[in-house]
């Protein structure tokens, strides 16, 4: 039986994972019409990134990045009514992924 080799938390690029979660979750929900499926993509990426944040940073930073990730999802909805879906998703993704890179991945 083959074993799955999971990347160590210290080696995960959380900026890319958060981008995948936000853009991928939105796109999954839009293309399938199944919003909970998009939420599952968002949640899975959030848990994967959170695992790395917990290992690479302290508890306060992990909580802050997690709150930013969840907040970005929430903020994208009202923002989409003002500037459109794609621009809103890309804007919150840029902020979230940029923060993840600056606080967790850069070092």
PDB file of N, CA and C in Angstrom:
ATOM      1  N   UNK A   1       0.846  -1.165   0.000  1.00  0.00           N
ATOM      2  CA  UNK A   1       0.000   0.000   0.000  1.00  0.00           C
ATOM      3  C   UNK A   1       0.900   1.240   0.000  1.00  0.00           C
ATOM      4  N   UNK A   2       0.607   2.189  -0.876  1.00  0.00           N
ATOM      5  CA  UNK A   2       1.395   3.418  -0.962  1.00  0.00           C
ATOM      6  C   UNK A   2       0.927   4.415   0.088  1.00  0.00           C
ATOM      7  N   UNK A   3       1.883   5.101   0.661  1.00  0.00           N
ATOM      8  CA  UNK A   3       1.579   6.135   1.648  1.00  0.00           C
ATOM      9  C   UNK A   3       1.508   7.490   0.949  1.00  0.00           C
ATOM     10  N   UNK A   4       0.663   8.351   1.454  1.00  0.00           N
ATOM     11  CA  UNK A   4       0.572   9.702   0.925  1.00  0.00           C
ATOM     12  C   UNK A   4       1.581  10.552   1.689  1.00  0.00           C
ATOM     13  N   UNK A   5       2.409  11.252   0.950  1.00  0.00           N
ATOM     14  CA  UNK A   5       3.412  12.112   1.553  1.00  0.00           C
ATOM     15  C   UNK A   5       2.867  13.537   1.603  1.00  0.00           C
ATOM     16  N   UNK A   6       2.437  13.965   2.785  1.00  0.00           N
ATOM     17  CA  UNK A   6       1.862  15.296   2.949  1.00  0.00           C
ATOM     18  C   UNK A   6       2.974  16.280   3.283  1.00  0.00           C
ATOM     19  N   UNK A   7       2.967  17.406   2.617  1.00  0.00           N
ATOM     20  CA  UNK A   7       3.970  18.443   2.820  1.00  0.00           C
ATOM     21  C   UNK A   7       3.941  18.925   4.267  1.00  0.00           C
ATOM     22  N   UNK A   8       5.114  19.149   4.831  1.00  0.00           N
ATOM     23  CA  UNK A   8       5.214  19.659   6.198  1.00  0.00           C
ATOM     24  C   UNK A   8       4.629  21.071   6.259  1.00  0.00           C
ATOM     25  N   UNK A   9       3.989  21.414   7.378  1.00  0.00           N
ATOM     26  CA  UNK A   9       3.359  22.731   7.494  1.00  0.00           C
ATOM     27  C   UNK A   9       4.318  23.892   7.229  1.00  0.00           C
ATOM     28  N   UNK A  10       5.572  23.722   7.615  1.00  0.00           N
ATOM     29  CA  UNK A  10       6.558  24.788   7.441  1.00  0.00           C
ATOM     30  C   UNK A  10       6.845  25.075   5.964  1.00  0.00           C
ATOM     31  N   UNK A  11       6.547  24.118   5.100  1.00  0.00           N
ATOM     32  CA  UNK A  11       6.871  24.239   3.682  1.00  0.00           C
ATOM     33  C   UNK A  11       5.685  24.620   2.800  1.00  0.00           C
ATOM     34  N   UNK A  12       4.529  24.836   3.401  1.00  0.00           N
ATOM     35  CA  UNK A  12       3.329  25.173   2.633  1.00  0.00           C
ATOM     36  C   UNK A  12       3.312  26.673   2.333  1.00  0.00           C
ATOM     37  N   UNK A  13       3.040  27.024   1.078  1.00  0.00           N
ATOM     38  CA  UNK A  13       2.904  28.417   0.665  1.00  0.00           C
ATOM     39  C   UNK A  13       1.462  28.838   0.964  1.00  0.00           C
ATOM     40  N   UNK A  14       1.256  29.473   2.114  1.00  0.00           N
ATOM     41  CA  UNK A  14      -0.107  29.798   2.529  1.00  0.00           C
ATOM     42  C   UNK A  14      -0.724  30.908   1.702  1.00  0.00           C
ATOM     43  N   UNK A  15       0.090  31.748   1.081  1.00  0.00           N
ATOM     44  CA  UNK A  15      -0.473  32.767   0.187  1.00  0.00           C
ATOM     45  C   UNK A  15      -1.181  32.087  -0.984  1.00  0.00           C
ATOM     46  N   UNK A  16      -0.559  31.072  -1.538  1.00  0.00           N
ATOM     47  CA  UNK A  16      -1.170  30.335  -2.649  1.00  0.00           C
ATOM     48  C   UNK A  16      -2.402  29.562  -2.185  1.00  0.00           C
ATOM     49  N   UNK A  17      -2.344  28.987  -0.993  1.00  0.00           N
ATOM     50  CA  UNK A  17      -3.472  28.210  -0.471  1.00  0.00           C
ATOM     51  C   UNK A  17      -4.674  29.120  -0.215  1.00  0.00           C
ATOM     52  N   UNK A  18      -4.444  30.309   0.353  1.00  0.00           N
ATOM     53  CA  UNK A  18      -5.567  31.219   0.595  1.00  0.00           C
ATOM     54  C   UNK A  18      -6.160  31.713  -0.724  1.00  0.00           C
ATOM     55  N   UNK A  19      -5.302  31.937  -1.714  1.00  0.00           N
ATOM     56  CA  UNK A  19      -5.808  32.337  -3.037  1.00  0.00           C
ATOM     57  C   UNK A  19      -6.663  31.226  -3.634  1.00  0.00           C
ATOM     58  N   UNK A  20      -6.183  30.003  -3.509  1.00  0.00           N
ATOM     59  CA  UNK A  20      -6.956  28.859  -3.998  1.00  0.00           C
ATOM     60  C   UNK A  20      -8.297  28.779  -3.281  1.00  0.00           C
ATOM     61  N   UNK A  21      -8.300  28.953  -1.972  1.00  0.00           N
ATOM     62  CA  UNK A  21      -9.540  28.846  -1.207  1.00  0.00           C
ATOM     63  C   UNK A  21     -10.557  29.903  -1.578  1.00  0.00           C
ATOM     64  N   UNK A  22     -10.112  31.151  -1.689  1.00  0.00           N
ATOM     65  CA  UNK A  22     -11.050  32.230  -1.985  1.00  0.00           C
ATOM     66  C   UNK A  22     -11.512  32.219  -3.443  1.00  0.00           C
ATOM     67  N   UNK A  23     -10.577  32.145  -4.364  1.00  0.00           N
ATOM     68  CA  UNK A  23     -10.950  32.137  -5.783  1.00  0.00           C
ATOM     69  C   UNK A  23     -11.583  30.795  -6.154  1.00  0.00           C
ATOM     70  N   UNK A  24     -10.968  29.713  -5.708  1.00  0.00           N
ATOM     71  CA  UNK A  24     -11.482  28.380  -6.026  1.00  0.00           C
ATOM     72  C   UNK A  24     -12.841  28.110  -5.411  1.00  0.00           C
ATOM     73  N   UNK A  25     -13.045  28.566  -4.193  1.00  0.00           N
ATOM     74  CA  UNK A  25     -14.347  28.386  -3.553  1.00  0.00           C
ATOM     75  C   UNK A  25     -15.441  29.154  -4.279  1.00  0.00           C
ATOM     76  N   UNK A  26     -15.133  30.397  -4.631  1.00  0.00           N
ATOM     77  CA  UNK A  26     -16.101  31.211  -5.359  1.00  0.00           C
ATOM     78  C   UNK A  26     -16.409  30.591  -6.727  1.00  0.00           C
ATOM     79  N   UNK A  27     -15.371  30.200  -7.422  1.00  0.00           N
ATOM     80  CA  UNK A  27     -15.553  29.633  -8.758  1.00  0.00           C
ATOM     81  C   UNK A  27     -16.309  28.297  -8.712  1.00  0.00           C
ATOM     82  N   UNK A  28     -15.998  27.485  -7.717  1.00  0.00           N
ATOM     83  CA  UNK A  28     -16.696  26.209  -7.556  1.00  0.00           C
ATOM     84  C   UNK A  28     -18.184  26.440  -7.329  1.00  0.00           C
ATOM     85  N   UNK A  29     -18.514  27.362  -6.428  1.00  0.00           N
ATOM     86  CA  UNK A  29     -19.921  27.657  -6.145  1.00  0.00           C
ATOM     87  C   UNK A  29     -20.620  28.217  -7.380  1.00  0.00           C
ATOM     88  N   UNK A  30     -19.937  29.097  -8.094  1.00  0.00           N
ATOM     89  CA  UNK A  30     -20.546  29.721  -9.276  1.00  0.00           C
ATOM     90  C   UNK A  30     -20.779  28.712 -10.393  1.00  0.00           C
ATOM     91  N   UNK A  31     -19.803  27.881 -10.656  1.00  0.00           N
ATOM     92  CA  UNK A  31     -19.897  26.973 -11.794  1.00  0.00           C
ATOM     93  C   UNK A  31     -20.771  25.752 -11.531  1.00  0.00           C
ATOM     94  N   UNK A  32     -20.826  25.304 -10.281  1.00  0.00           N
ATOM     95  CA  UNK A  32     -21.661  24.141  -9.983  1.00  0.00           C
ATOM     96  C   UNK A  32     -23.069  24.546  -9.561  1.00  0.00           C
ATOM     97  N   UNK A  33     -23.208  25.785  -9.084  1.00  0.00           N
ATOM     98  CA  UNK A  33     -24.488  26.220  -8.538  1.00  0.00           C
ATOM     99  C   UNK A  33     -24.735  25.652  -7.149  1.00  0.00           C
ATOM    100  N   UNK A  34     -23.729  25.008  -6.580  1.00  0.00           N
ATOM    101  CA  UNK A  34     -23.859  24.397  -5.251  1.00  0.00           C
ATOM    102  C   UNK A  34     -22.991  25.197  -4.288  1.00  0.00           C
ATOM    103  N   UNK A  35     -23.603  26.164  -3.624  1.00  0.00           N
ATOM    104  CA  UNK A  35     -22.848  27.052  -2.739  1.00  0.00           C
ATOM    105  C   UNK A  35     -22.115  26.307  -1.627  1.00  0.00           C
ATOM    106  N   UNK A  36     -22.725  25.288  -1.011  1.00  0.00           N
ATOM    107  CA  UNK A  36     -21.987  24.569   0.036  1.00  0.00           C
ATOM    108  C   UNK A  36     -20.713  23.892  -0.475  1.00  0.00           C
ATOM    109  N   UNK A  37     -20.699  23.504  -1.744  1.00  0.00           N
ATOM    110  CA  UNK A  37     -19.493  22.909  -2.312  1.00  0.00           C
ATOM    111  C   UNK A  37     -18.374  23.947  -2.383  1.00  0.00           C
ATOM    112  N   UNK A  38     -18.721  25.157  -2.770  1.00  0.00           N
ATOM    113  CA  UNK A  38     -17.747  26.248  -2.748  1.00  0.00           C
ATOM    114  C   UNK A  38     -17.268  26.521  -1.338  1.00  0.00           C
ATOM    115  N   UNK A  39     -18.179  26.439  -0.382  1.00  0.00           N
ATOM    116  CA  UNK A  39     -17.812  26.613   1.025  1.00  0.00           C
ATOM    117  C   UNK A  39     -16.873  25.525   1.508  1.00  0.00           C
ATOM    118  N   UNK A  40     -17.043  24.322   0.991  1.00  0.00           N
ATOM    119  CA  UNK A  40     -16.155  23.219   1.366  1.00  0.00           C
ATOM    120  C   UNK A  40     -14.733  23.469   0.858  1.00  0.00           C
ATOM    121  N   UNK A  41     -14.617  23.996  -0.360  1.00  0.00           N
ATOM    122  CA  UNK A  41     -13.300  24.344  -0.901  1.00  0.00           C
ATOM    123  C   UNK A  41     -12.671  25.437  -0.041  1.00  0.00           C
ATOM    124  N   UNK A  42     -13.452  26.464   0.277  1.00  0.00           N
ATOM    125  CA  UNK A  42     -12.992  27.559   1.126  1.00  0.00           C
ATOM    126  C   UNK A  42     -12.530  27.038   2.484  1.00  0.00           C
ATOM    127  N   UNK A  43     -13.325  26.174   3.102  1.00  0.00           N
ATOM    128  CA  UNK A  43     -12.991  25.639   4.424  1.00  0.00           C
ATOM    129  C   UNK A  43     -11.749  24.751   4.391  1.00  0.00           C
ATOM    130  N   UNK A  44     -11.654  23.900   3.389  1.00  0.00           N
ATOM    131  CA  UNK A  44     -10.490  23.007   3.298  1.00  0.00           C
ATOM    132  C   UNK A  44      -9.199  23.800   3.154  1.00  0.00           C
ATOM    133  N   UNK A  45      -9.220  24.824   2.304  1.00  0.00           N
ATOM    134  CA  UNK A  45      -8.027  25.653   2.129  1.00  0.00           C
ATOM    135  C   UNK A  45      -7.716  26.423   3.409  1.00  0.00           C
ATOM    136  N   UNK A  46      -8.740  26.898   4.083  1.00  0.00           N
ATOM    137  CA  UNK A  46      -8.539  27.617   5.342  1.00  0.00           C
ATOM    138  C   UNK A  46      -7.916  26.738   6.408  1.00  0.00           C
ATOM    139  N   UNK A  47      -8.371  25.511   6.498  1.00  0.00           N
ATOM    140  CA  UNK A  47      -7.788  24.576   7.469  1.00  0.00           C
ATOM    141  C   UNK A  47      -6.344  24.243   7.114  1.00  0.00           C
ATOM    142  N   UNK A  48      -6.080  24.068   5.828  1.00  0.00           N
ATOM    143  CA  UNK A  48      -4.718  23.740   5.378  1.00  0.00           C
ATOM    144  C   UNK A  48      -3.762  24.906   5.675  1.00  0.00           C
ATOM    145  N   UNK A  49      -4.206  26.126   5.372  1.00  0.00           N
ATOM    146  CA  UNK A  49      -3.381  27.298   5.663  1.00  0.00           C
ATOM    147  C   UNK A  49      -3.225  27.479   7.170  1.00  0.00           C
ATOM    148  N   UNK A  50      -4.309  27.302   7.900  1.00  0.00           N
ATOM    149  CA  UNK A  50      -4.264  27.457   9.359  1.00  0.00           C
ATOM    150  C   UNK A  50      -3.290  26.498  10.016  1.00  0.00           C
ATOM    151  N   UNK A  51      -3.215  25.299   9.498  1.00  0.00           N
ATOM    152  CA  UNK A  51      -2.253  24.305  10.000  1.00  0.00           C
ATOM    153  C   UNK A  51      -0.831  24.845   9.867  1.00  0.00           C
ATOM    154  N   UNK A  52      -0.542  25.472   8.755  1.00  0.00           N
ATOM    155  CA  UNK A  52       0.793  26.027   8.537  1.00  0.00           C
ATOM    156  C   UNK A  52       1.020  27.280   9.371  1.00  0.00           C
ATOM    157  N   UNK A  53       0.011  28.143   9.458  1.00  0.00           N
ATOM    158  CA  UNK A  53       0.168  29.345  10.283  1.00  0.00           C
ATOM    159  C   UNK A  53       0.458  28.977  11.727  1.00  0.00           C
ATOM    160  N   UNK A  54      -0.217  27.951  12.217  1.00  0.00           N
ATOM    161  CA  UNK A  54      -0.004  27.522  13.605  1.00  0.00           C
ATOM    162  C   UNK A  54       1.422  27.037  13.829  1.00  0.00           C
ATOM    163  N   UNK A  55       2.003  26.439  12.824  1.00  0.00           N
ATOM    164  CA  UNK A  55       3.363  25.915  12.941  1.00  0.00           C
ATOM    165  C   UNK A  55       4.412  27.009  12.722  1.00  0.00           C
ATOM    166  N   UNK A  56       4.142  27.929  11.783  1.00  0.00           N
ATOM    167  CA  UNK A  56       5.129  28.939  11.402  1.00  0.00           C
ATOM    168  C   UNK A  56       5.079  30.218  12.238  1.00  0.00           C
ATOM    169  N   UNK A  57       3.947  30.488  12.878  1.00  0.00           N
ATOM    170  CA  UNK A  57       3.781  31.739  13.614  1.00  0.00           C
ATOM    171  C   UNK A  57       3.279  31.440  15.029  1.00  0.00           C
ATOM    172  N   UNK A  58       2.883  32.484  15.742  1.00  0.00           N
ATOM    173  CA  UNK A  58       2.325  32.288  17.086  1.00  0.00           C
ATOM    174  C   UNK A  58       0.792  32.251  17.027  1.00  0.00           C
ATOM    175  N   UNK A  59       0.184  32.001  18.172  1.00  0.00           N
ATOM    176  CA  UNK A  59      -1.276  31.834  18.226  1.00  0.00           C
ATOM    177  C   UNK A  59      -2.014  33.109  17.820  1.00  0.00           C
ATOM    178  N   UNK A  60      -1.517  34.260  18.226  1.00  0.00           N
ATOM    179  CA  UNK A  60      -2.176  35.524  17.897  1.00  0.00           C
ATOM    180  C   UNK A  60      -2.134  35.792  16.387  1.00  0.00           C
ATOM    181  N   UNK A  61      -0.996  35.526  15.768  1.00  0.00           N
ATOM    182  CA  UNK A  61      -0.864  35.714  14.322  1.00  0.00           C
ATOM    183  C   UNK A  61      -1.756  34.731  13.568  1.00  0.00           C
ATOM    184  N   UNK A  62      -1.786  33.491  14.027  1.00  0.00           N
ATOM    185  CA  UNK A  62      -2.653  32.485  13.402  1.00  0.00           C
ATOM    186  C   UNK A  62      -4.114  32.914  13.487  1.00  0.00           C
ATOM    187  N   UNK A  63      -4.524  33.401  14.655  1.00  0.00           N
ATOM    188  CA  UNK A  63      -5.907  33.866  14.827  1.00  0.00           C
ATOM    189  C   UNK A  63      -6.196  35.056  13.916  1.00  0.00           C
ATOM    190  N   UNK A  64      -5.248  35.982  13.821  1.00  0.00           N
ATOM    191  CA  UNK A  64      -5.434  37.155  12.966  1.00  0.00           C
ATOM    192  C   UNK A  64      -5.546  36.799  11.496  1.00  0.00           C
ATOM    193  N   UNK A  65      -4.664  35.925  11.027  1.00  0.00           N
ATOM    194  CA  UNK A  65      -4.728  35.502   9.625  1.00  0.00           C
ATOM    195  C   UNK A  65      -6.005  34.715   9.341  1.00  0.00           C
ATOM    196  N   UNK A  66      -6.418  33.897  10.285  1.00  0.00           N
ATOM    197  CA  UNK A  66      -7.661  33.133  10.125  1.00  0.00           C
ATOM    198  C   UNK A  66      -8.864  34.069  10.058  1.00  0.00           C
ATOM    199  N   UNK A  67      -8.877  35.074  10.937  1.00  0.00           N
ATOM    200  CA  UNK A  67      -9.972  36.048  10.931  1.00  0.00           C
ATOM    201  C   UNK A  67      -9.988  36.839   9.627  1.00  0.00           C
ATOM    202  N   UNK A  68      -8.809  37.189   9.130  1.00  0.00           N
ATOM    203  CA  UNK A  68      -8.726  37.904   7.856  1.00  0.00           C
ATOM    204  C   UNK A  68      -9.278  37.044   6.716  1.00  0.00           C
ATOM    205  N   UNK A  69      -8.932  35.770   6.706  1.00  0.00           N
ATOM    206  CA  UNK A  69      -9.397  34.850   5.669  1.00  0.00           C
ATOM    207  C   UNK A  69     -10.921  34.727   5.672  1.00  0.00           C
ATOM    208  N   UNK A  70     -11.482  34.497   6.847  1.00  0.00           N
ATOM    209  CA  UNK A  70     -12.938  34.372   6.960  1.00  0.00           C
ATOM    210  C   UNK A  70     -13.609  35.721   6.666  1.00  0.00           C
ATOM    211  N   UNK A  71     -12.994  36.794   7.162  1.00  0.00           N
ATOM    212  CA  UNK A  71     -13.529  38.129   6.916  1.00  0.00           C
ATOM    213  C   UNK A  71     -13.508  38.501   5.443  1.00  0.00           C
ATOM    214  N   UNK A  72     -12.480  38.057   4.737  1.00  0.00           N
ATOM    215  CA  UNK A  72     -12.388  38.334   3.304  1.00  0.00           C
ATOM    216  C   UNK A  72     -13.554  37.689   2.560  1.00  0.00           C
ATOM    217  N   UNK A  73     -13.878  36.479   2.939  1.00  0.00           N
ATOM    218  CA  UNK A  73     -15.021  35.795   2.346  1.00  0.00           C
ATOM    219  C   UNK A  73     -16.292  36.610   2.588  1.00  0.00           C
ATOM    220  N   UNK A  74     -16.489  37.029   3.827  1.00  0.00           N
ATOM    221  CA  UNK A  74     -17.673  37.821   4.166  1.00  0.00           C
ATOM    222  C   UNK A  74     -17.702  39.171   3.473  1.00  0.00           C
ATOM    223  N   UNK A  75     -16.544  39.819   3.367  1.00  0.00           N
ATOM    224  CA  UNK A  75     -16.469  41.150   2.756  1.00  0.00           C
ATOM    225  C   UNK A  75     -16.665  41.111   1.247  1.00  0.00           C
ATOM    226  N   UNK A  76     -16.369  39.971   0.643  1.00  0.00           N
ATOM    227  CA  UNK A  76     -16.483  39.896  -0.817  1.00  0.00           C
ATOM    228  C   UNK A  76     -17.929  40.025  -1.285  1.00  0.00           C
ATOM    229  N   UNK A  77     -18.867  39.622  -0.470  1.00  0.00           N
ATOM    230  CA  UNK A  77     -20.270  39.660  -0.882  1.00  0.00           C
ATOM    231  C   UNK A  77     -20.804  41.085  -1.030  1.00  0.00           C
ATOM    232  N   UNK A  78     -20.697  41.938  -0.003  1.00  0.00           N
ATOM    233  CA  UNK A  78     -21.172  43.313  -0.201  1.00  0.00           C
ATOM    234  C   UNK A  78     -20.311  44.087  -1.202  1.00  0.00           C
ATOM    235  N   UNK A  79     -19.022  43.769  -1.245  1.00  0.00           N
ATOM    236  CA  UNK A  79     -18.136  44.430  -2.205  1.00  0.00           C
ATOM    237  C   UNK A  79     -18.531  44.072  -3.637  1.00  0.00           C
ATOM    238  N   UNK A  80     -18.975  42.847  -3.841  1.00  0.00           N
ATOM    239  CA  UNK A  80     -19.385  42.405  -5.179  1.00  0.00           C
ATOM    240  C   UNK A  80     -20.572  43.217  -5.696  1.00  0.00           C
ATOM    241  N   UNK A  81     -21.440  43.663  -4.808  1.00  0.00           N
ATOM    242  CA  UNK A  81     -22.586  44.472  -5.224  1.00  0.00           C
ATOM    243  C   UNK A  81     -22.152  45.847  -5.710  1.00  0.00           C
ATOM    244  N   UNK A  82     -20.974  46.283  -5.240  1.00  0.00           N
ATOM    245  CA  UNK A  82     -20.480  47.607  -5.624  1.00  0.00           C
ATOM    246  C   UNK A  82     -19.565  47.573  -6.837  1.00  0.00           C
ATOM    247  N   UNK A  83     -18.700  46.558  -6.926  1.00  0.00           N
ATOM    248  CA  UNK A  83     -17.703  46.557  -8.004  1.00  0.00           C
ATOM    249  C   UNK A  83     -17.769  45.330  -8.911  1.00  0.00           C
ATOM    250  N   UNK A  84     -18.638  44.386  -8.598  1.00  0.00           N
ATOM    251  CA  UNK A  84     -18.759  43.172  -9.403  1.00  0.00           C
ATOM    252  C   UNK A  84     -18.085  41.989  -8.727  1.00  0.00           C
ATOM    253  N   UNK A  85     -18.486  40.790  -9.119  1.00  0.00           N
ATOM    254  CA  UNK A  85     -18.005  39.567  -8.469  1.00  0.00           C
ATOM    255  C   UNK A  85     -16.513  39.345  -8.626  1.00  0.00           C
ATOM    256  N   UNK A  86     -16.037  39.307  -9.884  1.00  0.00           N
ATOM    257  CA  UNK A  86     -14.616  39.042 -10.103  1.00  0.00           C
ATOM    258  C   UNK A  86     -13.730  40.069  -9.421  1.00  0.00           C
ATOM    259  N   UNK A  87     -13.984  41.365  -9.611  1.00  0.00           N
ATOM    260  CA  UNK A  87     -13.122  42.339  -8.941  1.00  0.00           C
ATOM    261  C   UNK A  87     -13.146  42.204  -7.415  1.00  0.00           C
ATOM    262  N   UNK A  88     -14.304  41.902  -6.859  1.00  0.00           N
ATOM    263  CA  UNK A  88     -14.409  41.757  -5.404  1.00  0.00           C
ATOM    264  C   UNK A  88     -13.605  40.564  -4.914  1.00  0.00           C
ATOM    265  N   UNK A  89     -13.760  39.432  -5.576  1.00  0.00           N
ATOM    266  CA  UNK A  89     -13.035  38.227  -5.171  1.00  0.00           C
ATOM    267  C   UNK A  89     -11.528  38.441  -5.327  1.00  0.00           C
ATOM    268  N   UNK A  90     -11.132  39.049  -6.419  1.00  0.00           N
ATOM    269  CA  UNK A  90      -9.704  39.300  -6.628  1.00  0.00           C
ATOM    270  C   UNK A  90      -9.148  40.295  -5.617  1.00  0.00           C
ATOM    271  N   UNK A  91      -9.921  41.310  -5.249  1.00  0.00           N
ATOM    272  CA  UNK A  91      -9.459  42.301  -4.275  1.00  0.00           C
ATOM    273  C   UNK A  91      -9.246  41.675  -2.902  1.00  0.00           C
ATOM    274  N   UNK A  92     -10.237  40.928  -2.412  1.00  0.00           N
ATOM    275  CA  UNK A  92     -10.079  40.337  -1.073  1.00  0.00           C
ATOM    276  C   UNK A  92      -9.011  39.248  -1.079  1.00  0.00           C
ATOM    277  N   UNK A  93      -8.859  38.572  -2.209  1.00  0.00           N
ATOM    278  CA  UNK A  93      -7.820  37.551  -2.326  1.00  0.00           C
ATOM    279  C   UNK A  93      -6.437  38.187  -2.289  1.00  0.00           C
ATOM    280  N   UNK A  94      -6.273  39.295  -2.975  1.00  0.00           N
ATOM    281  CA  UNK A  94      -4.976  39.985  -2.981  1.00  0.00           C
ATOM    282  C   UNK A  94      -4.586  40.434  -1.578  1.00  0.00           C
ATOM    283  N   UNK A  95      -5.531  40.991  -0.849  1.00  0.00           N
ATOM    284  CA  UNK A  95      -5.249  41.443   0.518  1.00  0.00           C
ATOM    285  C   UNK A  95      -4.899  40.258   1.416  1.00  0.00           C
ATOM    286  N   UNK A  96      -5.688  39.225   1.352  1.00  0.00           N
ATOM    287  CA  UNK A  96      -5.493  38.061   2.219  1.00  0.00           C
ATOM    288  C   UNK A  96      -4.206  37.315   1.884  1.00  0.00           C
ATOM    289  N   UNK A  97      -3.985  37.058   0.623  1.00  0.00           N
ATOM    290  CA  UNK A  97      -2.777  36.343   0.216  1.00  0.00           C
ATOM    291  C   UNK A  97      -1.532  37.181   0.483  1.00  0.00           C
ATOM    292  N   UNK A  98      -1.634  38.477   0.266  1.00  0.00           N
ATOM    293  CA  UNK A  98      -0.507  39.364   0.564  1.00  0.00           C
ATOM    294  C   UNK A  98      -0.150  39.345   2.032  1.00  0.00           C
ATOM    295  N   UNK A  99      -1.159  39.372   2.879  1.00  0.00           N
ATOM    296  CA  UNK A  99      -0.912  39.310   4.328  1.00  0.00           C
ATOM    297  C   UNK A  99      -0.314  37.967   4.720  1.00  0.00           C
ATOM    298  N   UNK A 100      -0.832  36.891   4.151  1.00  0.00           N
ATOM    299  CA  UNK A 100      -0.293  35.560   4.467  1.00  0.00           C
ATOM    300  C   UNK A 100       1.173  35.468   4.068  1.00  0.00           C
ATOM    301  N   UNK A 101       1.507  36.014   2.908  1.00  0.00           N
ATOM    302  CA  UNK A 101       2.902  35.983   2.466  1.00  0.00           C
ATOM    303  C   UNK A 101       3.770  36.829   3.397  1.00  0.00           C
ATOM    304  N   UNK A 102       3.326  38.038   3.694  1.00  0.00           N
ATOM    305  CA  UNK A 102       4.137  38.960   4.495  1.00  0.00           C
ATOM    306  C   UNK A 102       4.349  38.473   5.919  1.00  0.00           C
ATOM    307  N   UNK A 103       3.330  37.884   6.504  1.00  0.00           N
ATOM    308  CA  UNK A 103       3.394  37.522   7.920  1.00  0.00           C
ATOM    309  C   UNK A 103       3.880  36.089   8.137  1.00  0.00           C
ATOM    310  N   UNK A 104       3.604  35.190   7.192  1.00  0.00           N
ATOM    311  CA  UNK A 104       3.907  33.787   7.410  1.00  0.00           C
ATOM    312  C   UNK A 104       4.916  33.205   6.422  1.00  0.00           C
ATOM    313  N   UNK A 105       4.758  33.493   5.149  1.00  0.00           N
ATOM    314  CA  UNK A 105       5.539  32.806   4.128  1.00  0.00           C
ATOM    315  C   UNK A 105       6.899  33.441   3.850  1.00  0.00           C
ATOM    316  N   UNK A 106       7.005  34.737   3.988  1.00  0.00           N
ATOM    317  CA  UNK A 106       8.233  35.451   3.620  1.00  0.00           C
ATOM    318  C   UNK A 106       9.442  34.934   4.369  1.00  0.00           C
ATOM    319  N   UNK A 107       9.277  34.662   5.636  1.00  0.00           N
ATOM    320  CA  UNK A 107      10.404  34.176   6.451  1.00  0.00           C
ATOM    321  C   UNK A 107      10.741  32.767   6.058  1.00  0.00           C
TER     322      UNK A 107
END
